[in-house]
């Protein structure tokens, strides 16, 4: 009986992992869309670290 229980536990573990991988997503990330650029373009002549 112990071997049958171990095999059942292994089968359940693998099937749950497969269901999680191939199942529908459950993440709730917000829809951000395209973010506008609001900074200044890099200009080497105006770099303060030179």
PDB file of N, CA and C in Angstrom:
ATOM      1  N   UNK A   1       0.817  -1.202   0.000  1.00  0.00           N
ATOM      2  CA  UNK A   1       0.000   0.000   0.000  1.00  0.00           C
ATOM      3  C   UNK A   1       0.860   1.266   0.000  1.00  0.00           C
ATOM      4  N   UNK A   2       2.004   1.201   0.636  1.00  0.00           N
ATOM      5  CA  UNK A   2       2.853   2.382   0.720  1.00  0.00           C
ATOM      6  C   UNK A   2       3.367   2.775  -0.659  1.00  0.00           C
ATOM      7  N   UNK A   3       3.704   1.778  -1.482  1.00  0.00           N
ATOM      8  CA  UNK A   3       4.207   2.085  -2.825  1.00  0.00           C
ATOM      9  C   UNK A   3       3.109   2.717  -3.671  1.00  0.00           C
ATOM     10  N   UNK A   4       1.885   2.231  -3.544  1.00  0.00           N
ATOM     11  CA  UNK A   4       0.760   2.796  -4.292  1.00  0.00           C
ATOM     12  C   UNK A   4       0.497   4.244  -3.871  1.00  0.00           C
ATOM     13  N   UNK A   5       0.631   4.534  -2.584  1.00  0.00           N
ATOM     14  CA  UNK A   5       0.414   5.902  -2.095  1.00  0.00           C
ATOM     15  C   UNK A   5       1.518   6.841  -2.596  1.00  0.00           C
ATOM     16  N   UNK A   6       2.744   6.365  -2.616  1.00  0.00           N
ATOM     17  CA  UNK A   6       3.862   7.177  -3.118  1.00  0.00           C
ATOM     18  C   UNK A   6       3.662   7.489  -4.595  1.00  0.00           C
ATOM     19  N   UNK A   7       3.267   6.491  -5.368  1.00  0.00           N
ATOM     20  CA  UNK A   7       3.023   6.700  -6.802  1.00  0.00           C
ATOM     21  C   UNK A   7       1.863   7.671  -7.012  1.00  0.00           C
ATOM     22  N   UNK A   8       0.819   7.554  -6.188  1.00  0.00           N
ATOM     23  CA  UNK A   8      -0.325   8.481  -6.296  1.00  0.00           C
ATOM     24  C   UNK A   8       0.101   9.906  -5.965  1.00  0.00           C
ATOM     25  N   UNK A   9       0.939  10.077  -4.955  1.00  0.00           N
ATOM     26  CA  UNK A   9       1.423  11.411  -4.590  1.00  0.00           C
ATOM     27  C   UNK A   9       2.295  12.017  -5.692  1.00  0.00           C
ATOM     28  N   UNK A  10       3.149  11.204  -6.291  1.00  0.00           N
ATOM     29  CA  UNK A  10       4.008  11.687  -7.376  1.00  0.00           C
ATOM     30  C   UNK A  10       3.161  12.088  -8.579  1.00  0.00           C
ATOM     31  N   UNK A  11       2.162  11.256  -8.912  1.00  0.00           N
ATOM     32  CA  UNK A  11       1.271  11.562 -10.034  1.00  0.00           C
ATOM     33  C   UNK A  11       0.504  12.852  -9.782  1.00  0.00           C
ATOM     34  N   UNK A  12       0.006  13.035  -8.573  1.00  0.00           N
ATOM     35  CA  UNK A  12      -0.725  14.262  -8.240  1.00  0.00           C
ATOM     36  C   UNK A  12       0.194  15.475  -8.335  1.00  0.00           C
ATOM     37  N   UNK A  13       1.410  15.358  -7.841  1.00  0.00           N
ATOM     38  CA  UNK A  13       2.374  16.464  -7.877  1.00  0.00           C
ATOM     39  C   UNK A  13       2.667  16.882  -9.314  1.00  0.00           C
ATOM     40  N   UNK A  14       2.897  15.920 -10.188  1.00  0.00           N
ATOM     41  CA  UNK A  14       3.216  16.225 -11.585  1.00  0.00           C
ATOM     42  C   UNK A  14       2.003  16.782 -12.314  1.00  0.00           C
ATOM     43  N   UNK A  15       0.820  16.238 -12.057  1.00  0.00           N
ATOM     44  CA  UNK A  15      -0.374  16.733 -12.747  1.00  0.00           C
ATOM     45  C   UNK A  15      -0.733  18.147 -12.293  1.00  0.00           C
ATOM     46  N   UNK A  16      -0.552  18.453 -11.018  1.00  0.00           N
ATOM     47  CA  UNK A  16      -0.808  19.821 -10.549  1.00  0.00           C
ATOM     48  C   UNK A  16       0.161  20.811 -11.180  1.00  0.00           C
ATOM     49  N   UNK A  17       1.412  20.407 -11.342  1.00  0.00           N
ATOM     50  CA  UNK A  17       2.393  21.284 -11.987  1.00  0.00           C
ATOM     51  C   UNK A  17       2.026  21.511 -13.451  1.00  0.00           C
ATOM     52  N   UNK A  18       1.605  20.460 -14.144  1.00  0.00           N
ATOM     53  CA  UNK A  18       1.205  20.601 -15.547  1.00  0.00           C
ATOM     54  C   UNK A  18      -0.027  21.484 -15.675  1.00  0.00           C
ATOM     55  N   UNK A  19      -0.974  21.347 -14.756  1.00  0.00           N
ATOM     56  CA  UNK A  19      -2.173  22.199 -14.807  1.00  0.00           C
ATOM     57  C   UNK A  19      -1.805  23.658 -14.583  1.00  0.00           C
ATOM     58  N   UNK A  20      -0.848  23.918 -13.710  1.00  0.00           N
ATOM     59  CA  UNK A  20      -0.428  25.304 -13.456  1.00  0.00           C
ATOM     60  C   UNK A  20       0.312  25.886 -14.654  1.00  0.00           C
ATOM     61  N   UNK A  21       1.135  25.083 -15.308  1.00  0.00           N
ATOM     62  CA  UNK A  21       1.897  25.567 -16.459  1.00  0.00           C
ATOM     63  C   UNK A  21       0.989  25.835 -17.649  1.00  0.00           C
ATOM     64  N   UNK A  22       0.094  24.893 -17.948  1.00  0.00           N
ATOM     65  CA  UNK A  22      -0.715  24.984 -19.157  1.00  0.00           C
ATOM     66  C   UNK A  22      -2.107  25.554 -18.919  1.00  0.00           C
ATOM     67  N   UNK A  23      -2.443  25.911 -17.700  1.00  0.00           N
ATOM     68  CA  UNK A  23      -3.752  26.466 -17.385  1.00  0.00           C
ATOM     69  C   UNK A  23      -3.806  27.953 -17.690  1.00  0.00           C
ATOM     70  N   UNK A  24      -4.980  28.546 -17.521  1.00  0.00           N
ATOM     71  CA  UNK A  24      -5.111  29.991 -17.764  1.00  0.00           C
ATOM     72  C   UNK A  24      -4.312  30.792 -16.733  1.00  0.00           C
ATOM     73  N   UNK A  25      -3.896  31.970 -17.131  1.00  0.00           N
ATOM     74  CA  UNK A  25      -3.105  32.806 -16.228  1.00  0.00           C
ATOM     75  C   UNK A  25      -3.997  33.384 -15.143  1.00  0.00           C
ATOM     76  N   UNK A  26      -3.429  33.564 -13.971  1.00  0.00           N
ATOM     77  CA  UNK A  26      -4.182  34.135 -12.859  1.00  0.00           C
ATOM     78  C   UNK A  26      -3.502  35.397 -12.312  1.00  0.00           C
ATOM     79  N   UNK A  27      -2.647  35.998 -13.120  1.00  0.00           N
ATOM     80  CA  UNK A  27      -1.985  37.217 -12.678  1.00  0.00           C
ATOM     81  C   UNK A  27      -2.921  38.406 -12.909  1.00  0.00           C
ATOM     82  N   UNK A  28      -2.759  39.430 -12.091  1.00  0.00           N
ATOM     83  CA  UNK A  28      -3.631  40.592 -12.148  1.00  0.00           C
ATOM     84  C   UNK A  28      -2.794  41.851 -12.379  1.00  0.00           C
ATOM     85  N   UNK A  29      -1.984  41.836 -13.421  1.00  0.00           N
ATOM     86  CA  UNK A  29      -1.172  43.011 -13.720  1.00  0.00           C
ATOM     87  C   UNK A  29      -2.043  44.104 -14.333  1.00  0.00           C
ATOM     88  N   UNK A  30      -1.815  45.362 -13.998  1.00  0.00           N
ATOM     89  CA  UNK A  30      -2.613  46.422 -14.610  1.00  0.00           C
ATOM     90  C   UNK A  30      -2.229  46.634 -16.074  1.00  0.00           C
ATOM     91  N   UNK A  31      -3.197  47.039 -16.882  1.00  0.00           N
ATOM     92  CA  UNK A  31      -2.933  47.339 -18.287  1.00  0.00           C
ATOM     93  C   UNK A  31      -2.292  48.716 -18.354  1.00  0.00           C
ATOM     94  N   UNK A  32      -0.992  48.762 -18.612  1.00  0.00           N
ATOM     95  CA  UNK A  32      -0.277  50.034 -18.562  1.00  0.00           C
ATOM     96  C   UNK A  32      -0.273  50.751 -19.899  1.00  0.00           C
ATOM     97  N   UNK A  33      -0.166  50.029 -20.984  1.00  0.00           N
ATOM     98  CA  UNK A  33      -0.115  50.662 -22.292  1.00  0.00           C
ATOM     99  C   UNK A  33       1.235  51.291 -22.560  1.00  0.00           C
ATOM    100  N   UNK A  34       1.291  52.127 -23.551  1.00  0.00           N
ATOM    101  CA  UNK A  34       2.535  52.794 -23.942  1.00  0.00           C
ATOM    102  C   UNK A  34       2.748  53.998 -23.035  1.00  0.00           C
ATOM    103  N   UNK A  35       3.965  54.124 -22.503  1.00  0.00           N
ATOM    104  CA  UNK A  35       4.292  55.237 -21.626  1.00  0.00           C
ATOM    105  C   UNK A  35       5.005  56.320 -22.427  1.00  0.00           C
ATOM    106  N   UNK A  36       4.555  57.556 -22.331  1.00  0.00           N
ATOM    107  CA  UNK A  36       5.225  58.624 -23.075  1.00  0.00           C
ATOM    108  C   UNK A  36       6.592  58.948 -22.474  1.00  0.00           C
ATOM    109  N   UNK A  37       7.500  59.381 -23.330  1.00  0.00           N
ATOM    110  CA  UNK A  37       8.825  59.784 -22.880  1.00  0.00           C
ATOM    111  C   UNK A  37       8.756  61.242 -22.451  1.00  0.00           C
ATOM    112  N   UNK A  38       9.139  61.525 -21.215  1.00  0.00           N
ATOM    113  CA  UNK A  38       9.056  62.897 -20.705  1.00  0.00           C
ATOM    114  C   UNK A  38      10.424  63.474 -20.354  1.00  0.00           C
ATOM    115  N   UNK A  39      11.502  62.739 -20.624  1.00  0.00           N
ATOM    116  CA  UNK A  39      12.833  63.211 -20.262  1.00  0.00           C
ATOM    117  C   UNK A  39      13.498  63.953 -21.397  1.00  0.00           C
ATOM    118  N   UNK A  40      14.726  64.314 -21.172  1.00  0.00           N
ATOM    119  CA  UNK A  40      15.519  65.008 -22.174  1.00  0.00           C
ATOM    120  C   UNK A  40      16.433  64.011 -22.869  1.00  0.00           C
ATOM    121  N   UNK A  41      16.609  64.117 -24.187  1.00  0.00           N
ATOM    122  CA  UNK A  41      17.547  63.227 -24.877  1.00  0.00           C
ATOM    123  C   UNK A  41      18.982  63.489 -24.406  1.00  0.00           C
ATOM    124  N   UNK A  42      19.797  62.434 -24.440  1.00  0.00           N
ATOM    125  CA  UNK A  42      21.180  62.558 -23.989  1.00  0.00           C
ATOM    126  C   UNK A  42      21.974  63.404 -24.960  1.00  0.00           C
ATOM    127  N   UNK A  43      22.722  64.358 -24.416  1.00  0.00           N
ATOM    128  CA  UNK A  43      23.607  65.207 -25.213  1.00  0.00           C
ATOM    129  C   UNK A  43      24.965  65.185 -24.537  1.00  0.00           C
ATOM    130  N   UNK A  44      25.963  64.638 -25.219  1.00  0.00           N
ATOM    131  CA  UNK A  44      27.278  64.491 -24.614  1.00  0.00           C
ATOM    132  C   UNK A  44      27.910  65.852 -24.291  1.00  0.00           C
ATOM    133  N   UNK A  45      27.607  66.861 -25.057  1.00  0.00           N
ATOM    134  CA  UNK A  45      28.187  68.197 -24.797  1.00  0.00           C
ATOM    135  C   UNK A  45      27.668  68.793 -23.495  1.00  0.00           C
ATOM    136  N   UNK A  46      26.468  68.405 -23.065  1.00  0.00           N
ATOM    137  CA  UNK A  46      25.897  68.952 -21.844  1.00  0.00           C
ATOM    138  C   UNK A  46      26.099  68.030 -20.643  1.00  0.00           C
ATOM    139  N   UNK A  47      26.862  66.946 -20.804  1.00  0.00           N
ATOM    140  CA  UNK A  47      27.098  65.989 -19.730  1.00  0.00           C
ATOM    141  C   UNK A  47      27.912  66.645 -18.631  1.00  0.00           C
ATOM    142  N   UNK A  48      27.439  66.531 -17.383  1.00  0.00           N
ATOM    143  CA  UNK A  48      28.113  67.147 -16.243  1.00  0.00           C
ATOM    144  C   UNK A  48      29.317  66.339 -15.746  1.00  0.00           C
ATOM    145  N   UNK A  49      29.424  65.080 -16.140  1.00  0.00           N
ATOM    146  CA  UNK A  49      30.479  64.213 -15.629  1.00  0.00           C
ATOM    147  C   UNK A  49      31.748  64.269 -16.478  1.00  0.00           C
ATOM    148  N   UNK A  50      31.861  65.136 -17.433  1.00  0.00           N
ATOM    149  CA  UNK A  50      33.047  65.177 -18.317  1.00  0.00           C
ATOM    150  C   UNK A  50      34.167  65.953 -17.702  1.00  0.00           C
TER     151      UNK A  50
END
